[in-house]
Amino acid sequence: MPESPALLASAPGIKRDGTKFEGNNYVDGRWCRFQRGKPRKMGGYVEVSDQVPEVARGMDSFSSQNIQFLHIGHPLSLGQYQVSDGTLGLFSVRTPVGYVTDVNNLWQFAVFADTAGTGNHLLIAHAPANLADIDNAVGQNIFIDTLTATTALDVTGLSVDAQTGWNTGTLGPLSGGIVVSGQYLFGFGSDGIIRISAANNLSTAPIEFNLGMQKIVKGFPLRGQGFGPAVIMWGLDSVIRGTFQQSGPPDFAFDVLSTDTSILSSQGVVEYDGIYYWPGVDRWQLFNGVVREVPNNMNLNFFFDNLNFSARQKVFGFKVPRFGEIWWCFPKGAATECNHAVVYNVREQTWYDTALPDSNDVDQGRTAGVFAKVYQKPFMVDNEVLASGRTLWQHETAMDKVRGTQILAIPSFFETHELNLLEAGQALKEIRVARIEPDFVQTGSMTLTVRGRQNAKAPQTEVTPASTFVETPTEGTDETIKLKDVKRLMSFKFESNVAGGDYEYGDTYAHIEPADGRVES
């Protein structure tokens, strides 16, 4: 039987659950995403500052006049990083007056918009000790100051640009978190307690609701019903909606949308195009008007079987809308900080995963992240302790790890599903691969490793040493990769590991034929 071309096209996504032989998805990968159903390398990351003083426990991003005001919360402090075009302009310590330090403090942030036209939007910050225990009942005060100021936040008031009298002390202390919707500030915590400010007024006593249920741990603004603002909140076992009512007071009424939910981490809820996605303790769910499960046949077991559940509150999510992605970073295995991520691609309707950067040491991946909406870039903080501190990185920038003048390659690879002749009715025949015709949008050299085994129970081995194929062939013989590989089940691993390396996969063909020998065992 002569050679025949076989398209090396696996289904998009990396399948970790089930067996490697089952299904037609890609079976392995690192720092690789999917676009138009094809693998491509993820972007690089550039150092913004290597002087982050402590481990990061929450981030917020706000853009004004070409400056991104990044606020990063820590167990002992709060810092502001003013970043323009990926470069740090100013760092300010904004640790609140009256802040109670604790190694388990976990920060939430919200922006209270200025309606007077002065541009002095308010930063609201809250950091109860929820890191080790999502059900913690010990409260922390709610802090406030002008968002773009460089001064310490204050629980007792604000005296900037003639704005006085703002006082969130009456909302706290609370153990859950905060959210702003419209001109209302909501604080929440244990036993289903919710406190709501007056409209555009943080100085008067709030209205309090006690829903008599488990602790509320997260909130987001929600599209209203045409009458005013709304909120959605996550309790430990429920999803709650608060809607503005014209017949108030009180201004809001609350209803429970589901009592059959869970939430893994208060940092895990991500809003994408008005739909809210989050991992529970045993599955993923979404809210798009109703609560429902997000199907995941690719890595659900991989995630929950490998998650260090004792560090569940360290799981954090963010989005990368250019590529349709929602990331959830999590501590994998024995790690106590996030060293791995699973990714749901909303656009491609598939799942994949990757080790986080610099996670060879299990606790040196990433500890916090946020997507800077105005500038398309996610920011993340690592946990590698240098002499100067930890590092704030701007991701999706170029293709390398860039620290000052040092440029390091980021290894990225993907592996196809296993090619075989079983479906062709030649179950006992091995496959011989004569050559590969690589089709890539490519920068820098790449390598191909052919991997194989004799049956689904046999160990996988590399059939031959890796073959290199270059970005621009100098002669016709460089345009294909010649091989003499024989196995019954065969997969193909493509890798980029050079400075500046990048790739997008196209339609790559393998020229195959049945081998002469027959498999007898």
Protein backbone atom coordinates (compact mmCIF):
# COMPACT_ATOMS: atom_id res chain seq x y z
CA MET A 1 0.00 0.00 0.00
CA PRO A 2 1.59 3.35 -1.02
CA GLU A 3 2.04 6.33 1.24
CA SER A 4 -1.05 8.42 1.84
CA PRO A 5 -1.27 11.87 3.45
CA ALA A 6 -3.00 12.12 6.83
CA LEU A 7 -3.98 15.52 8.22
CA LEU A 8 -2.61 15.94 11.74
CA ALA A 9 -5.64 17.79 13.07
CA SER A 10 -6.82 17.00 16.56
CA ALA A 11 -9.96 18.51 18.06
CA PRO A 12 -9.30 21.82 19.88
CA GLY A 13 -8.50 21.71 23.57
CA ILE A 14 -6.31 19.49 25.75
CA LYS A 15 -8.11 16.50 27.21
CA ARG A 16 -6.80 15.35 30.57
CA ASP A 17 -9.73 13.25 31.76
CA GLY A 18 -10.13 9.63 30.70
CA THR A 19 -7.45 7.74 28.77
CA LYS A 20 -4.94 9.16 26.32
CA PHE A 21 -6.24 6.87 23.57
CA GLU A 22 -9.84 7.98 24.05
CA GLY A 23 -11.08 10.85 21.90
CA ASN A 24 -9.53 13.08 19.25
CA ASN A 25 -8.43 16.12 21.25
CA TYR A 26 -4.85 17.15 21.80
CA VAL A 27 -3.41 15.14 24.69
CA ASP A 28 -0.76 17.43 26.14
CA GLY A 29 0.47 21.00 26.00
CA ARG A 30 2.08 23.88 27.85
CA TRP A 31 1.73 27.62 27.30
CA CYS A 32 -0.46 26.82 24.28
CA ARG A 33 -3.95 28.15 23.48
CA PHE A 34 -6.47 27.54 20.71
CA GLN A 35 -7.80 29.96 18.09
CA ARG A 36 -9.91 28.99 15.09
CA GLY A 37 -9.59 25.44 16.40
CA LYS A 38 -5.78 25.51 16.01
CA PRO A 39 -2.97 25.58 18.59
CA ARG A 40 -0.89 28.74 18.97
CA LYS A 41 1.63 29.94 21.52
CA MET A 42 0.47 32.14 24.40
CA GLY A 43 2.01 35.60 24.77
CA GLY A 44 5.00 36.52 26.87
CA TYR A 45 5.31 38.59 30.02
CA VAL A 46 7.39 41.63 30.93
CA GLU A 47 8.60 42.79 34.35
CA VAL A 48 6.87 45.94 35.60
CA SER A 49 8.41 45.98 39.07
CA ASP A 50 10.51 43.52 41.08
CA GLN A 51 9.85 45.31 44.35
CA VAL A 52 6.43 43.97 45.36
CA PRO A 53 6.99 43.81 49.13
CA GLU A 54 4.78 40.87 50.10
CA VAL A 55 2.75 38.05 48.66
CA ALA A 56 -0.18 39.47 46.66
CA ARG A 57 -3.69 38.72 47.97
CA GLY A 58 -5.97 40.62 45.59
CA MET A 59 -5.64 43.13 42.74
CA ASP A 60 -7.65 45.88 41.07
CA SER A 61 -7.05 47.89 37.89
CA PHE A 62 -8.44 51.32 36.95
CA SER A 63 -7.29 53.41 33.96
CA SER A 64 -7.20 57.20 33.75
CA GLN A 65 -5.22 59.50 31.44
CA ASN A 66 -3.02 56.69 30.06
CA ILE A 67 -2.16 55.49 33.56
CA GLN A 68 -3.26 52.19 35.02
CA PHE A 69 -3.75 52.47 38.75
CA LEU A 70 -3.05 48.97 40.03
CA HIS A 71 -3.86 48.39 43.68
CA ILE A 72 -2.34 45.24 45.15
CA GLY A 73 -3.34 44.06 48.60
CA HIS A 74 -1.04 42.17 50.96
CA PRO A 75 -1.39 40.67 54.44
CA LEU A 76 0.41 43.67 55.99
CA SER A 77 -0.09 46.49 53.50
CA LEU A 78 -1.76 47.95 50.40
CA GLY A 79 0.26 49.33 47.48
CA GLN A 80 -0.58 51.41 44.41
CA TYR A 81 1.38 50.97 41.18
CA GLN A 82 0.93 53.63 38.49
CA VAL A 83 1.78 51.91 35.21
CA SER A 84 1.91 53.49 31.75
CA ASP A 85 2.67 51.41 28.63
CA GLY A 86 3.97 48.60 30.83
CA THR A 87 6.39 50.87 32.73
CA LEU A 88 6.10 51.69 36.42
CA GLY A 89 5.87 55.43 37.00
CA LEU A 90 5.11 55.71 40.71
CA PHE A 91 4.66 53.38 43.65
CA SER A 92 2.75 54.53 46.75
CA VAL A 93 1.96 52.79 50.02
CA ARG A 94 -1.78 53.16 50.70
CA THR A 95 -2.16 50.92 53.75
CA PRO A 96 -5.40 52.05 55.44
CA VAL A 97 -5.55 53.76 58.78
CA GLY A 98 -6.92 51.23 61.28
CA TYR A 99 -6.11 48.23 59.07
CA VAL A 100 -5.83 45.02 61.11
CA THR A 101 -3.00 42.95 59.66
CA ASP A 102 -3.35 39.18 59.30
CA VAL A 103 -1.58 36.59 57.14
CA ASN A 104 -5.03 35.43 56.01
CA ASN A 105 -6.32 38.80 54.83
CA LEU A 106 -7.82 38.58 51.34
CA TRP A 107 -8.64 41.84 49.55
CA GLN A 108 -11.66 42.89 47.50
CA PHE A 109 -11.93 46.25 45.72
CA ALA A 110 -14.70 48.35 44.20
CA VAL A 111 -14.94 51.79 42.58
CA PHE A 112 -17.56 54.28 43.76
CA ALA A 113 -18.04 56.67 40.85
CA ASP A 114 -17.95 60.43 41.35
CA THR A 115 -21.18 61.96 40.09
CA ALA A 116 -20.16 65.58 40.67
CA GLY A 117 -17.92 65.68 37.61
CA THR A 118 -14.65 66.19 39.52
CA GLY A 119 -13.17 62.86 38.45
CA ASN A 120 -12.42 61.95 42.05
CA HIS A 121 -13.71 58.40 41.96
CA LEU A 122 -13.44 56.56 45.24
CA LEU A 123 -11.56 53.35 45.87
CA ILE A 124 -13.37 51.05 48.30
CA ALA A 125 -11.23 48.29 49.81
CA HIS A 126 -11.98 45.44 52.20
CA ALA A 127 -9.72 42.66 53.49
CA PRO A 128 -11.25 40.22 56.00
CA ALA A 129 -9.18 37.19 57.04
CA ASN A 130 -10.78 34.75 54.59
CA LEU A 131 -7.70 33.17 52.97
CA ALA A 132 -7.48 30.04 55.12
CA ASP A 133 -11.21 29.77 55.79
CA ILE A 134 -13.86 30.92 53.32
CA ASP A 135 -16.39 30.63 56.18
CA ASN A 136 -14.43 32.96 58.48
CA ALA A 137 -16.77 35.13 60.59
CA VAL A 138 -14.26 37.73 61.84
CA GLY A 139 -14.88 41.06 60.16
CA GLN A 140 -12.67 43.87 58.90
CA ASN A 141 -13.55 47.51 58.39
CA ILE A 142 -14.25 48.91 54.92
CA PHE A 143 -11.73 51.53 53.76
CA ILE A 144 -12.03 54.43 51.36
CA ASP A 145 -10.14 57.25 49.61
CA THR A 146 -9.84 58.93 46.23
CA LEU A 147 -8.79 56.25 43.77
CA THR A 148 -6.01 58.23 42.08
CA ALA A 149 -4.63 59.67 45.34
CA THR A 150 -1.41 58.35 46.83
CA THR A 151 -2.38 58.69 50.48
CA ALA A 152 -3.45 56.07 52.98
CA LEU A 153 -7.05 54.91 52.85
CA ASP A 154 -9.19 55.80 55.83
CA VAL A 155 -12.11 54.15 57.57
CA THR A 156 -13.23 57.38 59.22
CA GLY A 157 -13.61 59.75 56.33
CA LEU A 158 -12.21 61.52 53.34
CA SER A 159 -10.85 65.04 53.10
CA VAL A 160 -9.63 65.45 49.55
CA ASP A 161 -10.71 68.23 47.18
CA ALA A 162 -13.34 69.47 49.61
CA GLN A 163 -15.06 66.09 49.68
CA THR A 164 -15.75 65.43 53.33
CA GLY A 165 -17.99 63.31 55.43
CA TRP A 166 -17.63 60.04 53.51
CA ASN A 167 -17.72 57.36 56.15
CA THR A 168 -18.00 53.63 55.61
CA GLY A 169 -17.42 52.82 59.25
CA THR A 170 -21.13 52.24 59.67
CA LEU A 171 -21.04 49.46 57.05
CA GLY A 172 -18.34 47.46 58.80
CA PRO A 173 -16.76 45.47 60.10
CA LEU A 174 -17.94 42.65 57.83
CA SER A 175 -16.44 39.26 56.99
CA GLY A 176 -17.58 38.79 53.38
CA GLY A 177 -16.80 41.54 50.90
CA ILE A 178 -18.05 44.56 48.98
CA VAL A 179 -19.60 45.48 45.65
CA VAL A 180 -20.76 48.75 44.09
CA SER A 181 -23.75 48.92 41.76
CA GLY A 182 -24.96 52.27 40.53
CA GLN A 183 -24.52 54.71 43.39
CA TYR A 184 -24.94 52.12 46.11
CA LEU A 185 -22.25 50.38 48.13
CA PHE A 186 -23.07 46.89 49.40
CA GLY A 187 -21.21 45.16 52.21
CA PHE A 188 -21.92 41.54 53.13
CA GLY A 189 -20.78 38.72 55.35
CA SER A 190 -21.74 35.86 57.67
CA ASP A 191 -25.33 34.69 58.26
CA GLY A 192 -26.45 36.26 54.98
CA ILE A 193 -26.03 39.82 56.26
CA ILE A 194 -26.17 42.64 53.68
CA ARG A 195 -25.69 46.35 54.42
CA ILE A 196 -26.53 48.95 51.76
CA SER A 197 -25.57 52.60 51.69
CA ALA A 198 -27.98 55.34 50.74
CA ALA A 199 -27.83 56.43 47.09
CA ASN A 200 -24.64 58.41 46.48
CA ASN A 201 -24.28 58.81 50.23
CA LEU A 202 -21.77 56.92 52.34
CA SER A 203 -22.12 59.08 55.43
CA THR A 204 -25.51 58.01 56.74
CA ALA A 205 -26.38 54.73 58.42
CA PRO A 206 -26.92 51.87 55.97
CA ILE A 207 -29.99 49.72 55.63
CA GLU A 208 -29.36 46.19 56.85
CA PHE A 209 -30.82 42.91 55.62
CA ASN A 210 -30.27 39.57 57.31
CA LEU A 211 -31.25 36.79 54.93
CA GLY A 212 -30.69 34.12 57.60
CA MET A 213 -28.52 31.93 55.38
CA GLN A 214 -24.88 30.98 54.98
CA LYS A 215 -22.12 33.54 54.52
CA ILE A 216 -22.09 35.73 51.40
CA VAL A 217 -18.58 35.88 49.95
CA LYS A 218 -18.71 37.69 46.57
CA GLY A 219 -20.77 40.22 44.67
CA PHE A 220 -20.92 41.78 41.20
CA PRO A 221 -23.06 44.51 39.65
CA LEU A 222 -25.82 43.05 37.51
CA ARG A 223 -27.92 44.38 34.66
CA GLY A 224 -31.09 45.79 36.20
CA GLN A 225 -34.69 45.38 35.11
CA GLY A 226 -34.93 48.87 33.60
CA PHE A 227 -35.74 50.62 36.89
CA GLY A 228 -32.28 50.94 38.42
CA PRO A 229 -29.17 49.02 39.50
CA ALA A 230 -29.00 45.38 40.54
CA VAL A 231 -26.47 43.04 42.14
CA ILE A 232 -25.71 39.34 42.12
CA MET A 233 -24.12 37.74 45.17
CA TRP A 234 -22.68 34.34 45.95
CA GLY A 235 -23.37 32.66 49.26
CA LEU A 236 -21.59 29.45 50.20
CA ASP A 237 -24.58 27.44 48.98
CA SER A 238 -26.70 29.91 47.01
CA VAL A 239 -26.87 32.65 44.40
CA ILE A 240 -28.77 35.81 45.39
CA ARG A 241 -30.07 38.68 43.30
CA GLY A 242 -30.78 42.16 44.58
CA THR A 243 -32.96 44.43 42.43
CA PHE A 244 -33.87 48.08 42.76
CA GLN A 245 -37.52 48.69 43.51
CA GLN A 246 -39.26 51.96 42.70
CA SER A 247 -41.68 51.53 45.58
CA GLY A 248 -38.93 51.67 48.22
CA PRO A 249 -37.73 52.24 50.83
CA PRO A 250 -35.98 49.93 51.15
CA ASP A 251 -34.44 50.57 47.75
CA PHE A 252 -33.62 46.90 47.09
CA ALA A 253 -35.37 43.57 47.35
CA PHE A 254 -33.54 40.24 47.37
CA ASP A 255 -34.46 36.85 45.99
CA VAL A 256 -32.56 33.57 46.02
CA LEU A 257 -31.93 32.27 42.49
CA SER A 258 -30.54 28.90 43.52
CA THR A 259 -29.94 26.99 46.73
CA ASP A 260 -28.13 24.13 44.98
CA THR A 261 -24.81 25.81 44.22
CA SER A 262 -21.38 26.12 45.75
CA ILE A 263 -18.41 28.41 45.28
CA LEU A 264 -14.83 27.22 45.53
CA SER A 265 -13.16 30.60 46.04
CA SER A 266 -14.33 34.18 46.48
CA GLN A 267 -11.65 35.09 43.91
CA GLY A 268 -12.98 32.64 41.32
CA VAL A 269 -16.01 34.45 39.84
CA VAL A 270 -15.36 35.95 36.38
CA GLU A 271 -17.78 38.08 34.36
CA TYR A 272 -17.53 37.59 30.58
CA ASP A 273 -19.95 39.50 28.33
CA GLY A 274 -22.57 39.74 31.07
CA ILE A 275 -22.36 36.05 31.99
CA TYR A 276 -20.78 34.99 35.29
CA TYR A 277 -18.61 31.87 35.47
CA TRP A 278 -17.18 30.23 38.58
CA PRO A 279 -15.90 26.90 39.92
CA GLY A 280 -17.89 25.32 42.70
CA VAL A 281 -16.47 22.65 44.97
CA ASP A 282 -17.15 19.91 42.40
CA ARG A 283 -18.12 21.48 39.04
CA TRP A 284 -18.21 24.73 37.05
CA GLN A 285 -21.34 26.85 36.88
CA LEU A 286 -22.57 29.99 35.16
CA PHE A 287 -25.32 32.56 35.53
CA ASN A 288 -26.87 34.03 32.38
CA GLY A 289 -30.31 34.76 33.83
CA VAL A 290 -30.50 31.27 35.29
CA VAL A 291 -27.90 29.18 37.10
CA ARG A 292 -26.62 26.20 35.13
CA GLU A 293 -23.62 23.89 34.88
CA VAL A 294 -20.78 24.55 32.43
CA PRO A 295 -20.04 21.26 30.60
CA ASN A 296 -16.46 20.11 31.05
CA ASN A 297 -15.49 16.66 29.78
CA MET A 298 -11.87 17.71 29.26
CA ASN A 299 -10.26 18.50 32.61
CA LEU A 300 -12.90 18.55 35.36
CA ASN A 301 -11.45 15.47 37.09
CA PHE A 302 -7.91 16.71 36.43
CA PHE A 303 -8.70 19.97 38.22
CA PHE A 304 -10.56 18.64 41.25
CA ASP A 305 -8.34 15.57 41.71
CA ASN A 306 -5.17 17.69 41.66
CA LEU A 307 -6.42 20.80 43.47
CA ASN A 308 -4.88 21.41 46.89
CA PHE A 309 -8.29 21.92 48.47
CA SER A 310 -6.84 23.27 51.71
CA ALA A 311 -5.67 26.29 49.66
CA ARG A 312 -9.00 26.73 47.81
CA GLN A 313 -9.27 30.46 48.57
CA LYS A 314 -6.04 31.08 46.65
CA VAL A 315 -7.74 30.05 43.40
CA PHE A 316 -8.25 33.21 41.33
CA GLY A 317 -9.80 33.86 37.95
CA PHE A 318 -9.47 36.48 35.21
CA LYS A 319 -10.25 36.76 31.51
CA VAL A 320 -8.33 37.35 28.28
CA PRO A 321 -11.12 38.42 25.90
CA ARG A 322 -8.97 38.74 22.78
CA PHE A 323 -8.67 34.96 22.76
CA GLY A 324 -12.05 34.23 24.37
CA GLU A 325 -10.44 32.83 27.51
CA ILE A 326 -11.27 32.58 31.20
CA TRP A 327 -8.35 31.46 33.36
CA TRP A 328 -8.52 29.86 36.79
CA CYS A 329 -5.13 29.63 38.51
CA PHE A 330 -4.91 26.99 41.24
CA PRO A 331 -2.44 25.22 43.57
CA LYS A 332 -1.79 21.85 41.96
CA GLY A 333 -0.64 18.83 43.94
CA ALA A 334 1.41 19.73 46.99
CA ALA A 335 1.69 23.39 46.00
CA THR A 336 0.32 25.96 48.43
CA GLU A 337 0.33 28.77 45.83
CA CYS A 338 -1.06 28.75 42.29
CA ASN A 339 1.31 26.87 39.98
CA HIS A 340 -1.14 25.74 37.28
CA ALA A 341 -4.16 27.07 35.38
CA VAL A 342 -7.17 25.62 33.62
CA VAL A 343 -8.64 27.70 30.81
CA TYR A 344 -12.18 27.74 29.44
CA ASN A 345 -12.32 29.16 25.94
CA VAL A 346 -15.81 30.64 25.57
CA ARG A 347 -15.34 31.31 21.87
CA GLU A 348 -13.98 27.87 20.99
CA GLN A 349 -16.20 26.08 23.54
CA THR A 350 -13.30 23.99 24.80
CA TRP A 351 -10.95 23.56 27.76
CA TYR A 352 -7.18 23.35 28.16
CA ASP A 353 -4.57 23.90 30.85
CA THR A 354 -1.01 25.02 31.37
CA ALA A 355 1.66 25.16 34.02
CA LEU A 356 2.09 28.73 35.21
CA PRO A 357 5.41 30.49 34.59
CA ASP A 358 8.38 29.72 36.83
CA SER A 359 6.43 26.99 38.60
CA ASN A 360 9.21 24.41 38.64
CA ASP A 361 9.33 25.36 42.29
CA VAL A 362 5.76 24.44 43.15
CA ASP A 363 5.11 27.69 45.02
CA GLN A 364 6.61 30.17 42.54
CA GLY A 365 3.80 30.48 39.99
CA ARG A 366 1.36 33.37 40.45
CA THR A 367 -0.57 34.61 43.52
CA ALA A 368 -2.90 37.28 42.08
CA GLY A 369 -4.01 38.59 38.70
CA VAL A 370 -6.36 41.05 37.02
CA PHE A 371 -7.28 41.87 33.43
CA ALA A 372 -6.71 45.56 32.62
CA LYS A 373 -9.76 46.12 30.40
CA VAL A 374 -8.69 49.38 28.76
CA TYR A 375 -5.31 48.05 27.61
CA GLN A 376 -6.03 44.36 26.79
CA LYS A 377 -3.37 43.12 29.19
CA PRO A 378 -3.55 40.90 32.26
CA PHE A 379 -1.24 41.69 35.17
CA MET A 380 -0.06 39.00 37.57
CA VAL A 381 2.25 38.83 40.58
CA ASP A 382 4.61 35.93 41.17
CA ASN A 383 5.83 34.37 44.40
CA GLU A 384 9.54 34.17 43.63
CA VAL A 385 11.24 36.14 46.41
CA LEU A 386 14.20 38.10 45.04
CA ALA A 387 16.46 40.33 47.09
CA SER A 388 14.27 43.30 46.08
CA GLY A 389 10.90 41.56 46.48
CA ARG A 390 8.39 39.72 44.30
CA THR A 391 7.62 40.68 40.70
CA LEU A 392 4.64 42.32 39.02
CA TRP A 393 4.37 41.10 35.41
CA GLN A 394 2.41 42.43 32.43
CA HIS A 395 1.29 39.37 30.45
CA GLU A 396 0.35 38.95 26.77
CA THR A 397 3.32 41.15 25.86
CA ALA A 398 5.78 40.01 23.15
CA MET A 399 6.66 36.29 23.28
CA ASP A 400 9.41 36.00 25.91
CA LYS A 401 10.03 36.42 29.61
CA VAL A 402 11.58 39.89 29.81
CA ARG A 403 13.24 41.03 33.04
CA GLY A 404 15.11 44.29 32.41
CA THR A 405 17.64 43.55 29.66
CA GLN A 406 17.35 39.79 30.19
CA ILE A 407 15.26 37.99 27.56
CA LEU A 408 14.46 34.33 28.16
CA ALA A 409 12.60 31.90 25.91
CA ILE A 410 9.25 30.57 27.10
CA PRO A 411 8.87 26.86 26.25
CA SER A 412 5.57 26.06 24.56
CA PHE A 413 4.39 22.79 23.03
CA PHE A 414 1.36 20.76 22.04
CA GLU A 415 0.91 17.05 21.31
CA THR A 416 -1.66 15.59 18.91
CA HIS A 417 -3.95 12.67 19.61
CA GLU A 418 -2.69 9.21 18.65
CA LEU A 419 -2.79 8.33 14.98
CA ASN A 420 -3.59 4.66 14.21
CA LEU A 421 -4.96 2.27 11.58
CA LEU A 422 -7.64 0.73 13.77
CA GLU A 423 -10.50 2.64 12.18
CA ALA A 424 -9.16 1.65 8.75
CA GLY A 425 -9.72 -1.99 9.65
CA GLN A 426 -6.02 -2.84 9.92
CA ALA A 427 -5.90 -3.39 13.65
CA LEU A 428 -2.71 -5.49 13.64
CA LYS A 429 -0.72 -3.18 11.40
CA GLU A 430 1.87 -0.72 12.58
CA ILE A 431 2.20 2.74 11.03
CA ARG A 432 5.27 3.93 9.18
CA VAL A 433 5.69 7.71 8.90
CA ALA A 434 7.95 8.72 6.04
CA ARG A 435 7.80 12.51 6.31
CA ILE A 436 5.94 15.45 7.79
CA GLU A 437 4.91 18.61 5.93
CA PRO A 438 4.80 21.27 8.68
CA ASP A 439 2.42 24.20 8.12
CA PHE A 440 3.03 27.01 10.61
CA VAL A 441 3.03 30.75 10.92
CA GLN A 442 6.34 30.53 12.70
CA THR A 443 9.07 32.66 14.28
CA GLY A 444 12.25 30.85 15.26
CA SER A 445 13.10 27.18 14.99
CA MET A 446 10.80 24.47 16.31
CA THR A 447 11.21 20.78 17.03
CA LEU A 448 9.09 17.75 16.24
CA THR A 449 9.17 14.67 18.46
CA VAL A 450 7.32 11.54 17.35
CA ARG A 451 5.96 9.53 20.24
CA GLY A 452 4.44 6.09 20.08
CA ARG A 453 3.39 2.83 21.71
CA GLN A 454 2.15 -0.56 20.63
CA ASN A 455 -1.27 -0.48 22.31
CA ALA A 456 -3.35 1.57 24.70
CA LYS A 457 -1.84 -0.14 27.78
CA ALA A 458 1.79 0.12 26.68
CA PRO A 459 4.11 2.89 27.89
CA GLN A 460 4.67 5.79 25.54
CA THR A 461 8.20 6.35 24.24
CA GLU A 462 9.90 8.83 21.95
CA VAL A 463 10.41 7.00 18.68
CA THR A 464 13.36 9.02 17.39
CA PRO A 465 15.32 12.08 18.56
CA ALA A 466 13.61 15.42 18.03
CA SER A 467 13.81 16.88 14.53
CA THR A 468 14.30 20.63 14.06
CA PHE A 469 12.50 22.62 11.39
CA VAL A 470 13.41 26.22 10.74
CA GLU A 471 11.34 29.35 10.21
CA THR A 472 12.60 29.97 6.66
CA PRO A 473 13.93 26.91 4.78
CA THR A 474 17.02 27.58 2.66
CA GLU A 475 16.37 24.72 0.25
CA GLY A 476 13.56 22.40 -0.72
CA THR A 477 14.79 19.54 1.44
CA ASP A 478 14.26 21.74 4.51
CA GLU A 479 10.58 22.19 3.76
CA THR A 480 9.59 18.73 4.98
CA ILE A 481 10.80 16.52 7.82
CA LYS A 482 11.96 13.06 6.80
CA LEU A 483 11.27 10.27 9.25
CA LYS A 484 11.50 6.48 9.54
CA ASP A 485 9.24 6.00 12.50
CA VAL A 486 7.17 2.86 13.08
CA LYS A 487 4.61 2.34 15.85
CA ARG A 488 1.05 1.12 16.15
CA LEU A 489 -0.18 4.25 17.98
CA MET A 490 1.63 7.46 17.18
CA SER A 491 1.40 11.10 18.31
CA PHE A 492 3.35 14.19 17.33
CA LYS A 493 4.75 16.79 19.72
CA PHE A 494 5.62 20.24 18.31
CA GLU A 495 7.67 22.56 20.53
CA SER A 496 9.01 26.12 20.45
CA ASN A 497 11.78 26.97 22.91
CA VAL A 498 13.89 29.80 21.48
CA ALA A 499 13.97 33.51 22.31
CA GLY A 500 11.34 35.32 20.24
CA GLY A 501 9.76 32.00 19.32
CA ASP A 502 6.15 32.03 18.20
CA TYR A 503 3.83 29.79 16.20
CA GLU A 504 0.34 29.28 14.86
CA TYR A 505 -0.50 25.80 13.66
CA GLY A 506 -2.00 25.23 10.23
CA ASP A 507 -2.78 22.11 8.19
CA THR A 508 0.18 19.80 8.74
CA TYR A 509 0.25 16.46 6.93
CA ALA A 510 1.98 13.18 7.79
CA HIS A 511 2.75 10.77 4.95
CA ILE A 512 1.95 7.34 6.34
CA GLU A 513 1.63 3.73 5.23
CA PRO A 514 1.10 0.39 6.94
CA ALA A 515 4.39 -1.16 8.05
CA ASP A 516 5.46 -4.55 6.75
CA GLY A 517 5.40 -6.21 10.15
CA ARG A 518 2.32 -7.36 12.03
CA VAL A 519 1.71 -6.87 15.73
CA GLU A 520 1.24 -10.27 17.33
CA SER A 521 0.95 -9.17 20.99
